[in-house]
Amino acid sequence: MFFQSLRSWSRRYRRKLSQFVFHRLLHADDSPHQLALGVAIGVFVAFTPTVGLQMVIAGFLSWLFRANKAASLPMVWISNPASLIPLY
């Protein structure tokens, strides 16, 4: 009986946690405008010379403009150290 209630509690907790992560933090149900704004912010920050802080800046700007964070953060990875010199 105890393990069955623990299992049901665990399922509810995982469901609520995944809903929080996908909908509140990552904005998985955003409009196309917010997705495009997130990509634009990520690409813009990728071409700035702030190599150590790019993900932080992109996350902050996405939060500030209410853009999609899950779309902006990977766009920063365009300017990785291997492609840094040709970009600049």
N, C-alpha and C. Protein backbone atom coordinates (compact mmCIF):
# COMPACT_ATOMS: atom_id res chain seq x y z
N MET A 1 0.82 -1.19 0.00
CA MET A 1 0.00 0.00 0.00
C MET A 1 0.86 1.26 0.00
N PHE A 2 1.92 1.24 0.82
CA PHE A 2 2.80 2.39 0.90
C PHE A 2 3.49 2.65 -0.43
N PHE A 3 3.97 1.58 -1.07
CA PHE A 3 4.70 1.74 -2.33
C PHE A 3 3.77 2.20 -3.44
N GLN A 4 2.52 1.79 -3.40
CA GLN A 4 1.57 2.22 -4.41
C GLN A 4 1.28 3.71 -4.27
N SER A 5 1.12 4.21 -3.06
CA SER A 5 0.89 5.64 -2.86
C SER A 5 2.14 6.44 -3.20
N LEU A 6 3.30 5.88 -2.90
CA LEU A 6 4.55 6.54 -3.26
C LEU A 6 4.69 6.63 -4.78
N ARG A 7 4.32 5.58 -5.48
CA ARG A 7 4.40 5.56 -6.94
C ARG A 7 3.44 6.59 -7.55
N SER A 8 2.22 6.70 -7.04
CA SER A 8 1.27 7.67 -7.58
C SER A 8 1.73 9.09 -7.27
N TRP A 9 2.32 9.31 -6.09
CA TRP A 9 2.85 10.62 -5.76
C TRP A 9 3.99 10.98 -6.70
N SER A 10 4.84 10.00 -7.00
CA SER A 10 5.97 10.22 -7.89
C SER A 10 5.50 10.58 -9.30
N ARG A 11 4.47 9.92 -9.78
CA ARG A 11 3.94 10.24 -11.11
C ARG A 11 3.38 11.64 -11.17
N ARG A 12 2.62 12.02 -10.14
CA ARG A 12 2.06 13.38 -10.11
C ARG A 12 3.17 14.43 -10.03
N TYR A 13 4.19 14.17 -9.24
CA TYR A 13 5.30 15.10 -9.11
C TYR A 13 6.04 15.26 -10.44
N ARG A 14 6.32 14.13 -11.11
CA ARG A 14 7.00 14.21 -12.41
C ARG A 14 6.16 14.96 -13.43
N ARG A 15 4.86 14.73 -13.44
CA ARG A 15 3.98 15.41 -14.38
C ARG A 15 3.97 16.92 -14.13
N LYS A 16 3.88 17.32 -12.87
CA LYS A 16 3.88 18.74 -12.55
C LYS A 16 5.24 19.38 -12.84
N LEU A 17 6.31 18.66 -12.57
CA LEU A 17 7.64 19.18 -12.84
C LEU A 17 7.86 19.35 -14.34
N SER A 18 7.46 18.38 -15.14
CA SER A 18 7.65 18.51 -16.59
C SER A 18 6.76 19.62 -17.15
N GLN A 19 5.57 19.77 -16.62
CA GLN A 19 4.71 20.86 -17.07
C GLN A 19 5.33 22.20 -16.73
N PHE A 20 5.90 22.32 -15.54
CA PHE A 20 6.55 23.56 -15.14
C PHE A 20 7.74 23.87 -16.04
N VAL A 21 8.58 22.87 -16.30
CA VAL A 21 9.78 23.09 -17.11
C VAL A 21 9.40 23.45 -18.54
N PHE A 22 8.50 22.69 -19.15
CA PHE A 22 8.19 22.92 -20.56
C PHE A 22 7.36 24.17 -20.79
N HIS A 23 6.44 24.46 -19.92
CA HIS A 23 5.53 25.57 -20.18
C HIS A 23 5.96 26.87 -19.52
N ARG A 24 6.52 26.82 -18.33
CA ARG A 24 6.88 28.03 -17.63
C ARG A 24 8.31 28.48 -17.94
N LEU A 25 9.25 27.56 -17.94
CA LEU A 25 10.64 27.94 -18.16
C LEU A 25 11.00 28.02 -19.64
N LEU A 26 10.65 27.02 -20.40
CA LEU A 26 11.05 26.97 -21.80
C LEU A 26 10.01 27.55 -22.75
N HIS A 27 8.83 27.79 -22.29
CA HIS A 27 7.75 28.35 -23.11
C HIS A 27 7.54 27.50 -24.37
N ALA A 28 7.27 26.24 -24.19
CA ALA A 28 7.12 25.31 -25.31
C ALA A 28 5.88 25.59 -26.14
N ASP A 29 4.93 26.31 -25.58
CA ASP A 29 3.70 26.60 -26.31
C ASP A 29 3.64 28.05 -26.78
N ASP A 30 4.78 28.63 -27.10
CA ASP A 30 4.83 30.02 -27.54
C ASP A 30 4.33 30.18 -28.96
N SER A 31 4.02 31.43 -29.29
CA SER A 31 3.57 31.75 -30.64
C SER A 31 4.78 31.77 -31.58
N PRO A 32 4.54 31.71 -32.88
CA PRO A 32 5.66 31.78 -33.83
C PRO A 32 6.47 33.08 -33.70
N HIS A 33 5.81 34.16 -33.32
CA HIS A 33 6.51 35.43 -33.14
C HIS A 33 7.52 35.34 -32.00
N GLN A 34 7.14 34.73 -30.90
CA GLN A 34 8.05 34.59 -29.77
C GLN A 34 9.19 33.63 -30.07
N LEU A 35 8.92 32.59 -30.85
CA LEU A 35 9.98 31.68 -31.27
C LEU A 35 10.98 32.39 -32.17
N ALA A 36 10.49 33.17 -33.13
CA ALA A 36 11.37 33.90 -34.03
C ALA A 36 12.17 34.96 -33.29
N LEU A 37 11.54 35.60 -32.32
CA LEU A 37 12.24 36.60 -31.52
C LEU A 37 13.36 35.96 -30.71
N GLY A 38 13.11 34.78 -30.19
CA GLY A 38 14.15 34.05 -29.46
C GLY A 38 15.33 33.69 -30.35
N VAL A 39 15.05 33.24 -31.55
CA VAL A 39 16.13 32.92 -32.50
C VAL A 39 16.90 34.18 -32.87
N ALA A 40 16.19 35.28 -33.10
CA ALA A 40 16.85 36.54 -33.47
C ALA A 40 17.74 37.04 -32.34
N ILE A 41 17.28 36.95 -31.12
CA ILE A 41 18.10 37.37 -29.98
C ILE A 41 19.34 36.50 -29.87
N GLY A 42 19.18 35.20 -30.04
CA GLY A 42 20.32 34.29 -29.95
C GLY A 42 21.36 34.55 -31.02
N VAL A 43 20.93 34.77 -32.24
CA VAL A 43 21.88 35.04 -33.33
C VAL A 43 22.55 36.39 -33.13
N PHE A 44 21.80 37.39 -32.68
CA PHE A 44 22.39 38.71 -32.43
C PHE A 44 23.47 38.62 -31.37
N VAL A 45 23.19 37.95 -30.27
CA VAL A 45 24.16 37.84 -29.19
C VAL A 45 25.35 36.98 -29.61
N ALA A 46 25.14 36.02 -30.51
CA ALA A 46 26.24 35.16 -30.96
C ALA A 46 27.31 35.96 -31.69
N PHE A 47 26.94 37.05 -32.32
CA PHE A 47 27.91 37.84 -33.07
C PHE A 47 28.47 39.02 -32.28
N THR A 48 28.21 39.08 -31.00
CA THR A 48 28.83 40.09 -30.16
C THR A 48 30.12 39.52 -29.57
N PRO A 49 31.08 40.36 -29.25
CA PRO A 49 32.36 39.84 -28.73
C PRO A 49 32.34 39.55 -27.23
N THR A 50 31.25 39.02 -26.74
CA THR A 50 31.14 38.69 -25.31
C THR A 50 31.16 37.17 -25.15
N VAL A 51 32.30 36.58 -25.44
CA VAL A 51 32.41 35.13 -25.56
C VAL A 51 32.04 34.40 -24.28
N GLY A 52 32.42 34.85 -23.13
CA GLY A 52 32.14 34.11 -21.91
C GLY A 52 30.74 34.29 -21.38
N LEU A 53 30.05 35.32 -21.80
CA LEU A 53 28.74 35.65 -21.22
C LEU A 53 27.59 35.56 -22.21
N GLN A 54 27.80 34.98 -23.35
CA GLN A 54 26.78 34.99 -24.40
C GLN A 54 25.49 34.29 -23.98
N MET A 55 25.59 33.14 -23.33
CA MET A 55 24.38 32.43 -22.93
C MET A 55 23.62 33.20 -21.85
N VAL A 56 24.34 33.82 -20.95
CA VAL A 56 23.69 34.61 -19.90
C VAL A 56 22.98 35.81 -20.51
N ILE A 57 23.64 36.48 -21.42
CA ILE A 57 23.04 37.66 -22.07
C ILE A 57 21.82 37.25 -22.90
N ALA A 58 21.92 36.17 -23.64
CA ALA A 58 20.79 35.71 -24.44
C ALA A 58 19.62 35.30 -23.56
N GLY A 59 19.90 34.63 -22.47
CA GLY A 59 18.83 34.24 -21.54
C GLY A 59 18.17 35.46 -20.91
N PHE A 60 18.97 36.44 -20.52
CA PHE A 60 18.42 37.66 -19.93
C PHE A 60 17.58 38.44 -20.94
N LEU A 61 18.09 38.60 -22.16
CA LEU A 61 17.33 39.33 -23.17
C LEU A 61 16.05 38.59 -23.56
N SER A 62 16.11 37.28 -23.58
CA SER A 62 14.90 36.50 -23.87
C SER A 62 13.87 36.67 -22.76
N TRP A 63 14.33 36.71 -21.54
CA TRP A 63 13.43 36.94 -20.42
C TRP A 63 12.87 38.36 -20.48
N LEU A 64 13.71 39.33 -20.81
CA LEU A 64 13.30 40.73 -20.85
C LEU A 64 12.26 40.99 -21.93
N PHE A 65 12.46 40.42 -23.11
CA PHE A 65 11.54 40.62 -24.23
C PHE A 65 10.47 39.54 -24.32
N ARG A 66 10.43 38.64 -23.35
CA ARG A 66 9.47 37.53 -23.31
C ARG A 66 9.52 36.66 -24.56
N ALA A 67 10.73 36.40 -24.99
CA ALA A 67 10.96 35.54 -26.15
C ALA A 67 11.18 34.11 -25.68
N ASN A 68 11.32 33.21 -26.61
CA ASN A 68 11.50 31.80 -26.29
C ASN A 68 12.95 31.55 -25.90
N LYS A 69 13.17 31.12 -24.66
CA LYS A 69 14.52 30.86 -24.17
C LYS A 69 15.12 29.61 -24.80
N ALA A 70 14.29 28.62 -25.06
CA ALA A 70 14.78 27.38 -25.65
C ALA A 70 15.22 27.58 -27.09
N ALA A 71 14.76 28.63 -27.75
CA ALA A 71 15.19 28.91 -29.11
C ALA A 71 16.40 29.84 -29.13
N SER A 72 16.55 30.68 -28.12
CA SER A 72 17.65 31.65 -28.14
C SER A 72 18.98 31.07 -27.68
N LEU A 73 18.95 30.20 -26.69
CA LEU A 73 20.21 29.70 -26.15
C LEU A 73 21.02 28.84 -27.13
N PRO A 74 20.42 27.92 -27.87
CA PRO A 74 21.25 27.16 -28.84
C PRO A 74 21.79 28.02 -29.99
N MET A 75 21.15 29.12 -30.30
CA MET A 75 21.64 29.98 -31.37
C MET A 75 22.96 30.64 -30.99
N VAL A 76 23.20 30.78 -29.69
CA VAL A 76 24.46 31.36 -29.23
C VAL A 76 25.63 30.44 -29.57
N TRP A 77 25.37 29.16 -29.66
CA TRP A 77 26.43 28.18 -29.92
C TRP A 77 26.98 28.27 -31.34
N ILE A 78 26.43 29.15 -32.17
CA ILE A 78 26.98 29.36 -33.51
C ILE A 78 28.43 29.82 -33.41
N SER A 79 28.69 30.65 -32.42
CA SER A 79 30.03 31.22 -32.27
C SER A 79 30.84 30.41 -31.27
N ASN A 80 31.07 29.15 -31.55
CA ASN A 80 31.91 28.33 -30.69
C ASN A 80 33.38 28.67 -30.92
N PRO A 81 34.28 28.25 -30.06
CA PRO A 81 35.69 28.63 -30.22
C PRO A 81 36.31 28.20 -31.54
N ALA A 82 35.84 27.13 -32.15
CA ALA A 82 36.41 26.69 -33.43
C ALA A 82 36.05 27.63 -34.58
N SER A 83 34.90 28.26 -34.51
CA SER A 83 34.48 29.14 -35.60
C SER A 83 34.57 30.61 -35.23
N LEU A 84 35.21 30.92 -34.13
CA LEU A 84 35.26 32.29 -33.63
C LEU A 84 36.05 33.21 -34.54
N ILE A 85 37.23 32.82 -34.99
CA ILE A 85 38.07 33.68 -35.82
C ILE A 85 37.45 33.95 -37.18
N PRO A 86 36.92 32.95 -37.90
CA PRO A 86 36.28 33.28 -39.18
C PRO A 86 35.05 34.18 -39.03
N LEU A 87 34.34 34.07 -37.92
CA LEU A 87 33.17 34.92 -37.73
C LEU A 87 33.55 36.38 -37.55
N TYR A 88 34.59 36.61 -36.74
CA TYR A 88 34.97 37.99 -36.48
C TYR A 88 35.89 38.53 -37.53
